[in-house]
Amino acid sequence: MKKIVLRLDRMMVERKMSLNQLAERVGISNVNLSKIKNNRVTAVRFSTLAAICEALDCTPGDILELEDE
């Protein structure tokens, strides 16, 4: 079975953006963004994903990967 994995940490490093900076730009708490960054969520709202992509100047495909479990 495959699963979707968030690679937000990699994109944040590439864009040289801290968790605090991204959380402020996206408009969510550091705690919630940390959960997303560390793959501790089972769902992400499309509006949140869009805001993250806008803040990081990327597409969803840049931070979402499909991998084997």
PDB file of N, CA and C in Angstrom:
ATOM      1  N   MET A   1       0.840  -1.181   0.000  1.00  0.00           N
ATOM      2  CA  MET A   1       0.000   0.000   0.000  1.00  0.00           C
ATOM      3  C   MET A   1       0.886   1.246   0.000  1.00  0.00           C
ATOM      4  N   LYS A   2       0.406   2.274  -0.621  1.00  0.00           N
ATOM      5  CA  LYS A   2       1.162   3.530  -0.693  1.00  0.00           C
ATOM      6  C   LYS A   2       0.563   4.554   0.260  1.00  0.00           C
ATOM      7  N   LYS A   3       1.377   5.549   0.594  1.00  0.00           N
ATOM      8  CA  LYS A   3       0.899   6.626   1.449  1.00  0.00           C
ATOM      9  C   LYS A   3       1.473   7.953   0.950  1.00  0.00           C
ATOM     10  N   ILE A   4       0.780   9.018   1.253  1.00  0.00           N
ATOM     11  CA  ILE A   4       1.240  10.353   0.895  1.00  0.00           C
ATOM     12  C   ILE A   4       2.049  10.911   2.053  1.00  0.00           C
ATOM     13  N   VAL A   5       3.224  11.429   1.739  1.00  0.00           N
ATOM     14  CA  VAL A   5       4.129  11.982   2.742  1.00  0.00           C
ATOM     15  C   VAL A   5       4.378  13.442   2.413  1.00  0.00           C
ATOM     16  N   LEU A   6       4.356  14.269   3.427  1.00  0.00           N
ATOM     17  CA  LEU A   6       4.638  15.691   3.258  1.00  0.00           C
ATOM     18  C   LEU A   6       6.137  15.935   3.383  1.00  0.00           C
ATOM     19  N   ARG A   7       6.695  16.649   2.441  1.00  0.00           N
ATOM     20  CA  ARG A   7       8.115  17.009   2.453  1.00  0.00           C
ATOM     21  C   ARG A   7       8.276  18.510   2.674  1.00  0.00           C
ATOM     22  N   LEU A   8       7.465  19.021   3.566  1.00  0.00           N
ATOM     23  CA  LEU A   8       7.471  20.457   3.857  1.00  0.00           C
ATOM     24  C   LEU A   8       8.826  20.902   4.401  1.00  0.00           C
ATOM     25  N   ASP A   9       9.444  20.079   5.233  1.00  0.00           N
ATOM     26  CA  ASP A   9      10.733  20.443   5.816  1.00  0.00           C
ATOM     27  C   ASP A   9      11.785  20.704   4.744  1.00  0.00           C
ATOM     28  N   ARG A  10      11.796  19.878   3.717  1.00  0.00           N
ATOM     29  CA  ARG A  10      12.762  20.045   2.623  1.00  0.00           C
ATOM     30  C   ARG A  10      12.543  21.371   1.881  1.00  0.00           C
ATOM     31  N   MET A  11      11.287  21.686   1.604  1.00  0.00           N
ATOM     32  CA  MET A  11      10.976  22.925   0.886  1.00  0.00           C
ATOM     33  C   MET A  11      11.299  24.147   1.745  1.00  0.00           C
ATOM     34  N   MET A  12      11.070  24.046   3.053  1.00  0.00           N
ATOM     35  CA  MET A  12      11.389  25.157   3.950  1.00  0.00           C
ATOM     36  C   MET A  12      12.897  25.424   3.961  1.00  0.00           C
ATOM     37  N   VAL A  13      13.698  24.371   3.935  1.00  0.00           N
ATOM     38  CA  VAL A  13      15.156  24.528   3.899  1.00  0.00           C
ATOM     39  C   VAL A  13      15.566  25.179   2.576  1.00  0.00           C
ATOM     40  N   GLU A  14      14.995  24.701   1.471  1.00  0.00           N
ATOM     41  CA  GLU A  14      15.325  25.264   0.163  1.00  0.00           C
ATOM     42  C   GLU A  14      14.987  26.753   0.088  1.00  0.00           C
ATOM     43  N   ARG A  15      13.872  27.142   0.729  1.00  0.00           N
ATOM     44  CA  ARG A  15      13.423  28.532   0.685  1.00  0.00           C
ATOM     45  C   ARG A  15      13.989  29.366   1.847  1.00  0.00           C
ATOM     46  N   LYS A  16      14.784  28.714   2.698  1.00  0.00           N
ATOM     47  CA  LYS A  16      15.386  29.372   3.863  1.00  0.00           C
ATOM     48  C   LYS A  16      14.329  30.079   4.719  1.00  0.00           C
ATOM     49  N   MET A  17      13.264  29.338   5.036  1.00  0.00           N
ATOM     50  CA  MET A  17      12.173  29.888   5.826  1.00  0.00           C
ATOM     51  C   MET A  17      11.987  29.063   7.103  1.00  0.00           C
ATOM     52  N   SER A  18      11.901  29.753   8.225  1.00  0.00           N
ATOM     53  CA  SER A  18      11.719  29.068   9.505  1.00  0.00           C
ATOM     54  C   SER A  18      10.257  28.697   9.710  1.00  0.00           C
ATOM     55  N   LEU A  19      10.040  27.826  10.674  1.00  0.00           N
ATOM     56  CA  LEU A  19       8.691  27.420  11.028  1.00  0.00           C
ATOM     57  C   LEU A  19       7.872  28.633  11.461  1.00  0.00           C
ATOM     58  N   ASN A  20       8.465  29.503  12.261  1.00  0.00           N
ATOM     59  CA  ASN A  20       7.751  30.697  12.729  1.00  0.00           C
ATOM     60  C   ASN A  20       7.374  31.618  11.580  1.00  0.00           C
ATOM     61  N   GLN A  21       8.296  31.830  10.648  1.00  0.00           N
ATOM     62  CA  GLN A  21       8.014  32.693   9.499  1.00  0.00           C
ATOM     63  C   GLN A  21       6.890  32.121   8.650  1.00  0.00           C
ATOM     64  N   LEU A  22       6.949  30.820   8.382  1.00  0.00           N
ATOM     65  CA  LEU A  22       5.930  30.193   7.548  1.00  0.00           C
ATOM     66  C   LEU A  22       4.578  30.195   8.245  1.00  0.00           C
ATOM     67  N   ALA A  23       4.555  29.892   9.522  1.00  0.00           N
ATOM     68  CA  ALA A  23       3.296  29.891  10.276  1.00  0.00           C
ATOM     69  C   ALA A  23       2.634  31.263  10.227  1.00  0.00           C
ATOM     70  N   GLU A  24       3.441  32.307  10.363  1.00  0.00           N
ATOM     71  CA  GLU A  24       2.897  33.667  10.322  1.00  0.00           C
ATOM     72  C   GLU A  24       2.335  33.993   8.939  1.00  0.00           C
ATOM     73  N   ARG A  25       3.049  33.610   7.892  1.00  0.00           N
ATOM     74  CA  ARG A  25       2.587  33.887   6.527  1.00  0.00           C
ATOM     75  C   ARG A  25       1.341  33.099   6.163  1.00  0.00           C
ATOM     76  N   VAL A  26       1.251  31.868   6.656  1.00  0.00           N
ATOM     77  CA  VAL A  26       0.117  31.008   6.342  1.00  0.00           C
ATOM     78  C   VAL A  26      -1.088  31.335   7.217  1.00  0.00           C
ATOM     79  N   GLY A  27      -0.822  31.820   8.422  1.00  0.00           N
ATOM     80  CA  GLY A  27      -1.910  32.158   9.326  1.00  0.00           C
ATOM     81  C   GLY A  27      -2.388  30.999  10.176  1.00  0.00           C
ATOM     82  N   ILE A  28      -1.475  30.073  10.488  1.00  0.00           N
ATOM     83  CA  ILE A  28      -1.814  28.980  11.404  1.00  0.00           C
ATOM     84  C   ILE A  28      -0.785  28.959  12.529  1.00  0.00           C
ATOM     85  N   SER A  29      -1.107  28.239  13.585  1.00  0.00           N
ATOM     86  CA  SER A  29      -0.218  28.205  14.749  1.00  0.00           C
ATOM     87  C   SER A  29       1.045  27.402  14.445  1.00  0.00           C
ATOM     88  N   ASN A  30       2.091  27.715  15.193  1.00  0.00           N
ATOM     89  CA  ASN A  30       3.349  26.975  15.061  1.00  0.00           C
ATOM     90  C   ASN A  30       3.140  25.491  15.348  1.00  0.00           C
ATOM     91  N   VAL A  31       2.300  25.198  16.329  1.00  0.00           N
ATOM     92  CA  VAL A  31       2.044  23.805  16.715  1.00  0.00           C
ATOM     93  C   VAL A  31       1.411  23.041  15.555  1.00  0.00           C
ATOM     94  N   ASN A  32       0.387  23.626  14.928  1.00  0.00           N
ATOM     95  CA  ASN A  32      -0.273  22.943  13.817  1.00  0.00           C
ATOM     96  C   ASN A  32       0.650  22.806  12.610  1.00  0.00           C
ATOM     97  N   LEU A  33       1.433  23.825  12.321  1.00  0.00           N
ATOM     98  CA  LEU A  33       2.363  23.739  11.206  1.00  0.00           C
ATOM     99  C   LEU A  33       3.454  22.703  11.499  1.00  0.00           C
ATOM    100  N   SER A  34       3.890  22.618  12.731  1.00  0.00           N
ATOM    101  CA  SER A  34       4.879  21.620  13.116  1.00  0.00           C
ATOM    102  C   SER A  34       4.336  20.210  12.899  1.00  0.00           C
ATOM    103  N   LYS A  35       3.068  19.990  13.215  1.00  0.00           N
ATOM    104  CA  LYS A  35       2.446  18.681  12.992  1.00  0.00           C
ATOM    105  C   LYS A  35       2.420  18.345  11.504  1.00  0.00           C
ATOM    106  N   ILE A  36       2.113  19.332  10.673  1.00  0.00           N
ATOM    107  CA  ILE A  36       2.112  19.111   9.229  1.00  0.00           C
ATOM    108  C   ILE A  36       3.539  18.799   8.765  1.00  0.00           C
ATOM    109  N   LYS A  37       4.485  19.595   9.209  1.00  0.00           N
ATOM    110  CA  LYS A  37       5.889  19.442   8.809  1.00  0.00           C
ATOM    111  C   LYS A  37       6.433  18.069   9.176  1.00  0.00           C
ATOM    112  N   ASN A  38       6.018  17.539  10.306  1.00  0.00           N
ATOM    113  CA  ASN A  38       6.530  16.261  10.803  1.00  0.00           C
ATOM    114  C   ASN A  38       5.626  15.071  10.485  1.00  0.00           C
ATOM    115  N   ASN A  39       4.696  15.269   9.550  1.00  0.00           N
ATOM    116  CA  ASN A  39       3.798  14.195   9.097  1.00  0.00           C
ATOM    117  C   ASN A  39       2.994  13.575  10.230  1.00  0.00           C
ATOM    118  N   ARG A  40       2.532  14.397  11.142  1.00  0.00           N
ATOM    119  CA  ARG A  40       1.713  13.911  12.257  1.00  0.00           C
ATOM    120  C   ARG A  40       0.244  14.248  12.053  1.00  0.00           C
ATOM    121  N   VAL A  41      -0.163  14.413  10.808  1.00  0.00           N
ATOM    122  CA  VAL A  41      -1.555  14.719  10.484  1.00  0.00           C
ATOM    123  C   VAL A  41      -2.073  13.676   9.501  1.00  0.00           C
ATOM    124  N   THR A  42      -3.384  13.494   9.506  1.00  0.00           N
ATOM    125  CA  THR A  42      -3.989  12.568   8.553  1.00  0.00           C
ATOM    126  C   THR A  42      -4.713  13.319   7.442  1.00  0.00           C
ATOM    127  N   ALA A  43      -4.844  14.635   7.595  1.00  0.00           N
ATOM    128  CA  ALA A  43      -5.513  15.445   6.576  1.00  0.00           C
ATOM    129  C   ALA A  43      -4.982  16.875   6.638  1.00  0.00           C
ATOM    130  N   VAL A  44      -5.006  17.517   5.478  1.00  0.00           N
ATOM    131  CA  VAL A  44      -4.630  18.925   5.383  1.00  0.00           C
ATOM    132  C   VAL A  44      -5.692  19.601   4.515  1.00  0.00           C
ATOM    133  N   ARG A  45      -6.234  20.704   4.981  1.00  0.00           N
ATOM    134  CA  ARG A  45      -7.215  21.434   4.191  1.00  0.00           C
ATOM    135  C   ARG A  45      -6.563  21.974   2.930  1.00  0.00           C
ATOM    136  N   PHE A  46      -7.316  21.962   1.844  1.00  0.00           N
ATOM    137  CA  PHE A  46      -6.791  22.515   0.601  1.00  0.00           C
ATOM    138  C   PHE A  46      -6.440  23.987   0.759  1.00  0.00           C
ATOM    139  N   SER A  47      -7.208  24.710   1.552  1.00  0.00           N
ATOM    140  CA  SER A  47      -6.913  26.134   1.750  1.00  0.00           C
ATOM    141  C   SER A  47      -5.579  26.313   2.478  1.00  0.00           C
ATOM    142  N   THR A  48      -5.275  25.431   3.420  1.00  0.00           N
ATOM    143  CA  THR A  48      -3.991  25.484   4.124  1.00  0.00           C
ATOM    144  C   THR A  48      -2.867  25.104   3.183  1.00  0.00           C
ATOM    145  N   LEU A  49      -3.058  24.067   2.395  1.00  0.00           N
ATOM    146  CA  LEU A  49      -2.054  23.641   1.428  1.00  0.00           C
ATOM    147  C   LEU A  49      -1.781  24.757   0.417  1.00  0.00           C
ATOM    148  N   ALA A  50      -2.830  25.417  -0.046  1.00  0.00           N
ATOM    149  CA  ALA A  50      -2.674  26.523  -0.997  1.00  0.00           C
ATOM    150  C   ALA A  50      -1.893  27.673  -0.370  1.00  0.00           C
ATOM    151  N   ALA A  51      -2.187  27.985   0.886  1.00  0.00           N
ATOM    152  CA  ALA A  51      -1.480  29.072   1.577  1.00  0.00           C
ATOM    153  C   ALA A  51      -0.008  28.728   1.783  1.00  0.00           C
ATOM    154  N   ILE A  52       0.281  27.478   2.111  1.00  0.00           N
ATOM    155  CA  ILE A  52       1.666  27.039   2.268  1.00  0.00           C
ATOM    156  C   ILE A  52       2.399  27.161   0.936  1.00  0.00           C
ATOM    157  N   CYS A  53       1.770  26.699  -0.129  1.00  0.00           N
ATOM    158  CA  CYS A  53       2.392  26.774  -1.453  1.00  0.00           C
ATOM    159  C   CYS A  53       2.619  28.224  -1.887  1.00  0.00           C
ATOM    160  N   GLU A  54       1.674  29.083  -1.584  1.00  0.00           N
ATOM    161  CA  GLU A  54       1.839  30.493  -1.930  1.00  0.00           C
ATOM    162  C   GLU A  54       3.011  31.105  -1.159  1.00  0.00           C
ATOM    163  N   ALA A  55       3.090  30.811   0.125  1.00  0.00           N
ATOM    164  CA  ALA A  55       4.157  31.369   0.962  1.00  0.00           C
ATOM    165  C   ALA A  55       5.531  30.854   0.540  1.00  0.00           C
ATOM    166  N   LEU A  56       5.589  29.600   0.082  1.00  0.00           N
ATOM    167  CA  LEU A  56       6.869  28.999  -0.303  1.00  0.00           C
ATOM    168  C   LEU A  56       7.139  29.088  -1.809  1.00  0.00           C
ATOM    169  N   ASP A  57       6.192  29.683  -2.548  1.00  0.00           N
ATOM    170  CA  ASP A  57       6.320  29.804  -3.999  1.00  0.00           C
ATOM    171  C   ASP A  57       6.613  28.440  -4.626  1.00  0.00           C
ATOM    172  N   CYS A  58       5.696  27.497  -4.358  1.00  0.00           N
ATOM    173  CA  CYS A  58       5.845  26.149  -4.885  1.00  0.00           C
ATOM    174  C   CYS A  58       4.472  25.598  -5.262  1.00  0.00           C
ATOM    175  N   THR A  59       4.436  24.369  -5.723  1.00  0.00           N
ATOM    176  CA  THR A  59       3.179  23.697  -6.039  1.00  0.00           C
ATOM    177  C   THR A  59       2.986  22.551  -5.048  1.00  0.00           C
ATOM    178  N   PRO A  60       1.757  22.025  -4.934  1.00  0.00           N
ATOM    179  CA  PRO A  60       1.542  20.888  -4.025  1.00  0.00           C
ATOM    180  C   PRO A  60       2.452  19.707  -4.343  1.00  0.00           C
ATOM    181  N   GLY A  61       2.749  19.504  -5.614  1.00  0.00           N
ATOM    182  CA  GLY A  61       3.633  18.407  -6.006  1.00  0.00           C
ATOM    183  C   GLY A  61       5.059  18.553  -5.485  1.00  0.00           C
ATOM    184  N   ASP A  62       5.431  19.770  -5.117  1.00  0.00           N
ATOM    185  CA  ASP A  62       6.765  19.987  -4.560  1.00  0.00           C
ATOM    186  C   ASP A  62       6.878  19.523  -3.112  1.00  0.00           C
ATOM    187  N   ILE A  63       5.746  19.431  -2.422  1.00  0.00           N
ATOM    188  CA  ILE A  63       5.799  19.046  -1.001  1.00  0.00           C
ATOM    189  C   ILE A  63       5.049  17.765  -0.678  1.00  0.00           C
ATOM    190  N   LEU A  64       4.329  17.205  -1.640  1.00  0.00           N
ATOM    191  CA  LEU A  64       3.617  15.949  -1.431  1.00  0.00           C
ATOM    192  C   LEU A  64       4.295  14.845  -2.252  1.00  0.00           C
ATOM    193  N   GLU A  65       4.536  13.703  -1.627  1.00  0.00           N
ATOM    194  CA  GLU A  65       5.121  12.558  -2.320  1.00  0.00           C
ATOM    195  C   GLU A  65       4.329  11.310  -2.006  1.00  0.00           C
ATOM    196  N   LEU A  66       4.254  10.417  -2.962  1.00  0.00           N
ATOM    197  CA  LEU A  66       3.606   9.124  -2.791  1.00  0.00           C
ATOM    198  C   LEU A  66       4.708   8.086  -2.633  1.00  0.00           C
ATOM    199  N   GLU A  67       4.684   7.352  -1.517  1.00  0.00           N
ATOM    200  CA  GLU A  67       5.722   6.344  -1.293  1.00  0.00           C
ATOM    201  C   GLU A  67       5.131   5.073  -0.726  1.00  0.00           C
ATOM    202  N   ASP A  68       5.884   4.001  -0.836  1.00  0.00           N
ATOM    203  CA  ASP A  68       5.457   2.708  -0.275  1.00  0.00           C
ATOM    204  C   ASP A  68       5.543   2.748   1.238  1.00  0.00           C
ATOM    205  N   GLU A  69       4.609   2.055   1.877  1.00  0.00           N
ATOM    206  CA  GLU A  69       4.642   1.989   3.346  1.00  0.00           C
ATOM    207  C   GLU A  69       5.670   0.995   3.801  1.00  0.00           C
TER     208      GLU A  69
END
